Each structure stands twice: as structure tokens, then as C-alpha cells.
Amino acid sequence: MTRDECLTAALKAVTGQRQQDYGTPDQNFQRVATLWSTILNAPVTPAQVAMCMIALKLARLMNNPTHEDSMIDIAGYAACMVELNNG
């Protein structure tokens, strides 16, 4: 996979069917942040959700560094975080 293919796949992932299924990043990441805040009994922001999801994917890559889906997801979460920080 080339970097162009990775970024194209990430773009498709965060703007395509997933957005239809889960809502926009600001909606979905806010829902996750609210749930995590309740579970952890500590405030969690939508941007922190994105960072934690990236960390999850990094942990998975430590087990299998060639898993392309995890790399695509990291690019997608990073793009969502940019939007969350600018929104």
C-alpha cells in the first residue's frame, strides 16, 4: 500500500459509511467522551478520545506492525482530531 492509498482509505473510512452509521466526528466522539467520563469518573474530551483510539491502534501495531487497517485507522483518527480541534 502506498501513502496515497492509505490516506485515500482513511478519507473513505471517516467520511463514508462509518459517518452514516455513527454520525459526524464531533457527535460520535462527544458521545464516547461522555461515556468514558462517566466510566472513569474524570472529564474526557472528544480530542482525548481520538488520542486514545490512536493509542489503541498503536498497541495493536506493536503486536503486528504490518497490519494496514490499523495504520489506516490511525490516519483517520488523526484527521478527525484535526476537525475536533478546529470545530
N, C-alpha and C. Protein backbone atom coordinates (compact mmCIF):
# COMPACT_ATOMS: atom_id res chain seq x y z
N MET A 1 0.85 -1.17 0.00
CA MET A 1 0.00 0.00 0.00
C MET A 1 0.89 1.24 0.00
N THR A 2 0.54 2.20 -0.81
CA THR A 2 1.27 3.47 -0.83
C THR A 2 0.66 4.43 0.18
N ARG A 3 1.37 5.52 0.47
CA ARG A 3 0.80 6.52 1.39
C ARG A 3 -0.45 7.13 0.82
N ASP A 4 -0.49 7.34 -0.50
CA ASP A 4 -1.71 7.86 -1.12
C ASP A 4 -2.89 6.91 -0.91
N GLU A 5 -2.64 5.63 -1.07
CA GLU A 5 -3.70 4.64 -0.88
C GLU A 5 -4.15 4.61 0.58
N CYS A 6 -3.20 4.72 1.50
CA CYS A 6 -3.54 4.74 2.92
C CYS A 6 -4.42 5.93 3.25
N LEU A 7 -4.01 7.10 2.79
CA LEU A 7 -4.79 8.30 3.10
C LEU A 7 -6.14 8.30 2.40
N THR A 8 -6.20 7.77 1.20
CA THR A 8 -7.48 7.65 0.50
C THR A 8 -8.41 6.71 1.26
N ALA A 9 -7.87 5.60 1.74
CA ALA A 9 -8.68 4.66 2.52
C ALA A 9 -9.15 5.30 3.82
N ALA A 10 -8.28 6.07 4.47
CA ALA A 10 -8.67 6.76 5.71
C ALA A 10 -9.77 7.78 5.43
N LEU A 11 -9.63 8.52 4.34
CA LEU A 11 -10.66 9.50 3.98
C LEU A 11 -12.00 8.82 3.75
N LYS A 12 -11.97 7.72 3.03
CA LYS A 12 -13.21 6.97 2.78
C LYS A 12 -13.80 6.47 4.09
N ALA A 13 -12.95 6.02 4.99
CA ALA A 13 -13.43 5.47 6.26
C ALA A 13 -14.12 6.52 7.11
N VAL A 14 -13.55 7.72 7.19
CA VAL A 14 -14.11 8.72 8.11
C VAL A 14 -15.21 9.58 7.50
N THR A 15 -15.38 9.50 6.19
CA THR A 15 -16.44 10.31 5.57
C THR A 15 -17.51 9.46 4.89
N GLY A 16 -17.30 8.18 4.82
CA GLY A 16 -18.23 7.31 4.11
C GLY A 16 -19.25 6.66 5.01
N GLN A 17 -19.32 5.35 4.92
CA GLN A 17 -20.33 4.58 5.63
C GLN A 17 -20.23 4.73 7.14
N ARG A 18 -19.01 4.83 7.68
CA ARG A 18 -18.88 4.97 9.13
C ARG A 18 -19.56 6.24 9.63
N GLN A 19 -19.41 7.33 8.86
CA GLN A 19 -20.07 8.57 9.29
C GLN A 19 -21.58 8.40 9.23
N GLN A 20 -22.06 7.69 8.22
CA GLN A 20 -23.50 7.44 8.15
C GLN A 20 -23.96 6.58 9.32
N ASP A 21 -23.14 5.59 9.69
CA ASP A 21 -23.51 4.67 10.77
C ASP A 21 -23.39 5.31 12.15
N TYR A 22 -22.36 6.13 12.37
CA TYR A 22 -22.04 6.60 13.72
C TYR A 22 -22.22 8.10 13.93
N GLY A 23 -22.45 8.85 12.87
CA GLY A 23 -22.57 10.30 12.98
C GLY A 23 -21.25 10.99 12.69
N THR A 24 -21.27 12.29 12.72
CA THR A 24 -20.06 13.07 12.46
C THR A 24 -19.07 12.87 13.60
N PRO A 25 -17.78 13.16 13.37
CA PRO A 25 -16.80 13.01 14.44
C PRO A 25 -17.18 13.79 15.70
N ASP A 26 -17.66 15.03 15.55
CA ASP A 26 -18.00 15.79 16.76
C ASP A 26 -19.14 15.13 17.53
N GLN A 27 -20.11 14.56 16.83
CA GLN A 27 -21.22 13.88 17.51
C GLN A 27 -20.74 12.59 18.19
N ASN A 28 -20.07 11.75 17.41
CA ASN A 28 -19.68 10.44 17.91
C ASN A 28 -18.61 10.54 19.00
N PHE A 29 -17.60 11.35 18.80
CA PHE A 29 -16.53 11.46 19.79
C PHE A 29 -17.05 12.11 21.07
N GLN A 30 -18.04 13.00 20.97
CA GLN A 30 -18.64 13.58 22.17
C GLN A 30 -19.41 12.51 22.95
N ARG A 31 -20.14 11.65 22.23
CA ARG A 31 -20.85 10.55 22.91
C ARG A 31 -19.87 9.64 23.64
N VAL A 32 -18.77 9.29 22.96
CA VAL A 32 -17.77 8.43 23.59
C VAL A 32 -17.15 9.15 24.79
N ALA A 33 -16.82 10.43 24.64
CA ALA A 33 -16.23 11.19 25.74
C ALA A 33 -17.17 11.22 26.95
N THR A 34 -18.44 11.39 26.72
CA THR A 34 -19.42 11.40 27.82
C THR A 34 -19.46 10.05 28.52
N LEU A 35 -19.48 8.98 27.76
CA LEU A 35 -19.49 7.65 28.36
C LEU A 35 -18.20 7.38 29.13
N TRP A 36 -17.05 7.68 28.53
CA TRP A 36 -15.77 7.45 29.21
C TRP A 36 -15.66 8.31 30.46
N SER A 37 -16.16 9.53 30.40
CA SER A 37 -16.12 10.40 31.58
C SER A 37 -16.90 9.77 32.73
N THR A 38 -18.04 9.17 32.43
CA THR A 38 -18.84 8.52 33.45
C THR A 38 -18.12 7.28 33.98
N ILE A 39 -17.61 6.46 33.09
CA ILE A 39 -16.92 5.23 33.50
C ILE A 39 -15.68 5.55 34.32
N LEU A 40 -14.90 6.53 33.88
CA LEU A 40 -13.63 6.85 34.54
C LEU A 40 -13.78 7.83 35.70
N ASN A 41 -14.96 8.42 35.81
CA ASN A 41 -15.21 9.43 36.83
C ASN A 41 -14.19 10.58 36.72
N ALA A 42 -13.92 10.96 35.48
CA ALA A 42 -12.99 12.05 35.18
C ALA A 42 -13.39 12.62 33.82
N PRO A 43 -13.22 13.92 33.64
CA PRO A 43 -13.60 14.51 32.36
C PRO A 43 -12.72 14.01 31.21
N VAL A 44 -13.36 13.68 30.11
CA VAL A 44 -12.68 13.25 28.90
C VAL A 44 -13.22 14.10 27.75
N THR A 45 -12.33 14.63 26.92
CA THR A 45 -12.74 15.45 25.79
C THR A 45 -12.80 14.60 24.51
N PRO A 46 -13.54 15.07 23.52
CA PRO A 46 -13.55 14.36 22.24
C PRO A 46 -12.14 14.20 21.64
N ALA A 47 -11.30 15.20 21.77
CA ALA A 47 -9.93 15.09 21.25
C ALA A 47 -9.14 14.01 21.99
N GLN A 48 -9.39 13.87 23.29
CA GLN A 48 -8.73 12.80 24.05
C GLN A 48 -9.22 11.43 23.60
N VAL A 49 -10.48 11.34 23.22
CA VAL A 49 -10.99 10.08 22.66
C VAL A 49 -10.18 9.72 21.41
N ALA A 50 -9.97 10.69 20.53
CA ALA A 50 -9.19 10.43 19.32
C ALA A 50 -7.78 9.97 19.67
N MET A 51 -7.14 10.64 20.64
CA MET A 51 -5.79 10.25 21.04
C MET A 51 -5.77 8.84 21.61
N CYS A 52 -6.76 8.50 22.41
CA CYS A 52 -6.81 7.16 23.00
C CYS A 52 -7.06 6.10 21.93
N MET A 53 -7.87 6.42 20.94
CA MET A 53 -8.10 5.46 19.86
C MET A 53 -6.83 5.26 19.04
N ILE A 54 -6.08 6.33 18.83
CA ILE A 54 -4.78 6.20 18.16
C ILE A 54 -3.86 5.32 18.99
N ALA A 55 -3.86 5.52 20.31
CA ALA A 55 -3.02 4.70 21.19
C ALA A 55 -3.43 3.23 21.11
N LEU A 56 -4.72 2.96 21.04
CA LEU A 56 -5.21 1.59 20.89
C LEU A 56 -4.65 0.97 19.62
N LYS A 57 -4.73 1.70 18.54
CA LYS A 57 -4.22 1.19 17.26
C LYS A 57 -2.71 0.99 17.31
N LEU A 58 -1.99 1.90 18.00
CA LEU A 58 -0.54 1.72 18.15
C LEU A 58 -0.23 0.46 18.95
N ALA A 59 -0.99 0.20 20.00
CA ALA A 59 -0.79 -1.01 20.79
C ALA A 59 -1.01 -2.26 19.94
N ARG A 60 -2.00 -2.21 19.08
CA ARG A 60 -2.24 -3.35 18.18
C ARG A 60 -1.11 -3.50 17.18
N LEU A 61 -0.59 -2.38 16.68
CA LEU A 61 0.53 -2.44 15.74
C LEU A 61 1.79 -3.00 16.40
N MET A 62 1.93 -2.84 17.70
CA MET A 62 3.08 -3.42 18.39
C MET A 62 3.05 -4.94 18.29
N ASN A 63 1.86 -5.51 18.20
CA ASN A 63 1.73 -6.96 18.03
C ASN A 63 1.91 -7.36 16.58
N ASN A 64 1.44 -6.53 15.67
CA ASN A 64 1.54 -6.83 14.24
C ASN A 64 1.82 -5.53 13.49
N PRO A 65 3.10 -5.17 13.34
CA PRO A 65 3.47 -3.88 12.74
C PRO A 65 3.10 -3.72 11.26
N THR A 66 2.63 -4.78 10.62
CA THR A 66 2.28 -4.68 9.20
C THR A 66 0.77 -4.63 8.97
N HIS A 67 -0.01 -4.51 10.04
CA HIS A 67 -1.47 -4.53 9.91
C HIS A 67 -1.95 -3.19 9.33
N GLU A 68 -2.25 -3.20 8.04
CA GLU A 68 -2.57 -1.96 7.34
C GLU A 68 -3.84 -1.30 7.83
N ASP A 69 -4.83 -2.07 8.24
CA ASP A 69 -6.08 -1.47 8.71
C ASP A 69 -5.84 -0.57 9.92
N SER A 70 -4.95 -0.99 10.81
CA SER A 70 -4.64 -0.15 11.98
C SER A 70 -3.97 1.15 11.55
N MET A 71 -3.09 1.08 10.55
CA MET A 71 -2.43 2.29 10.06
C MET A 71 -3.44 3.24 9.41
N ILE A 72 -4.37 2.67 8.67
CA ILE A 72 -5.43 3.48 8.05
C ILE A 72 -6.28 4.14 9.13
N ASP A 73 -6.63 3.38 10.16
CA ASP A 73 -7.44 3.93 11.25
C ASP A 73 -6.72 5.06 11.98
N ILE A 74 -5.41 4.92 12.18
CA ILE A 74 -4.64 6.00 12.83
C ILE A 74 -4.73 7.27 12.01
N ALA A 75 -4.57 7.15 10.70
CA ALA A 75 -4.68 8.33 9.83
C ALA A 75 -6.08 8.94 9.93
N GLY A 76 -7.09 8.09 9.98
CA GLY A 76 -8.46 8.58 10.10
C GLY A 76 -8.73 9.26 11.42
N TYR A 77 -8.24 8.68 12.51
CA TYR A 77 -8.42 9.32 13.83
C TYR A 77 -7.67 10.65 13.90
N ALA A 78 -6.49 10.71 13.29
CA ALA A 78 -5.74 11.97 13.27
C ALA A 78 -6.52 13.04 12.51
N ALA A 79 -7.12 12.66 11.39
CA ALA A 79 -7.92 13.61 10.62
C ALA A 79 -9.13 14.08 11.42
N CYS A 80 -9.77 13.16 12.13
CA CYS A 80 -10.91 13.53 12.97
C CYS A 80 -10.47 14.49 14.07
N MET A 81 -9.29 14.24 14.64
CA MET A 81 -8.79 15.10 15.72
C MET A 81 -8.54 16.51 15.21
N VAL A 82 -8.03 16.65 14.00
CA VAL A 82 -7.83 17.98 13.42
C VAL A 82 -9.17 18.71 13.37
N GLU A 83 -10.18 18.01 12.89
CA GLU A 83 -11.52 18.61 12.79
C GLU A 83 -12.08 18.96 14.18
N LEU A 84 -11.90 18.06 15.14
CA LEU A 84 -12.38 18.31 16.50
C LEU A 84 -11.70 19.52 17.11
N ASN A 85 -10.41 19.67 16.89
CA ASN A 85 -9.67 20.81 17.44
C ASN A 85 -10.00 22.13 16.76
N ASN A 86 -10.46 22.07 15.52
CA ASN A 86 -10.79 23.29 14.79
C ASN A 86 -12.27 23.64 14.86
N GLY A 87 -13.07 22.74 15.44
CA GLY A 87 -14.51 22.95 15.48
C GLY A 87 -14.91 23.73 16.65
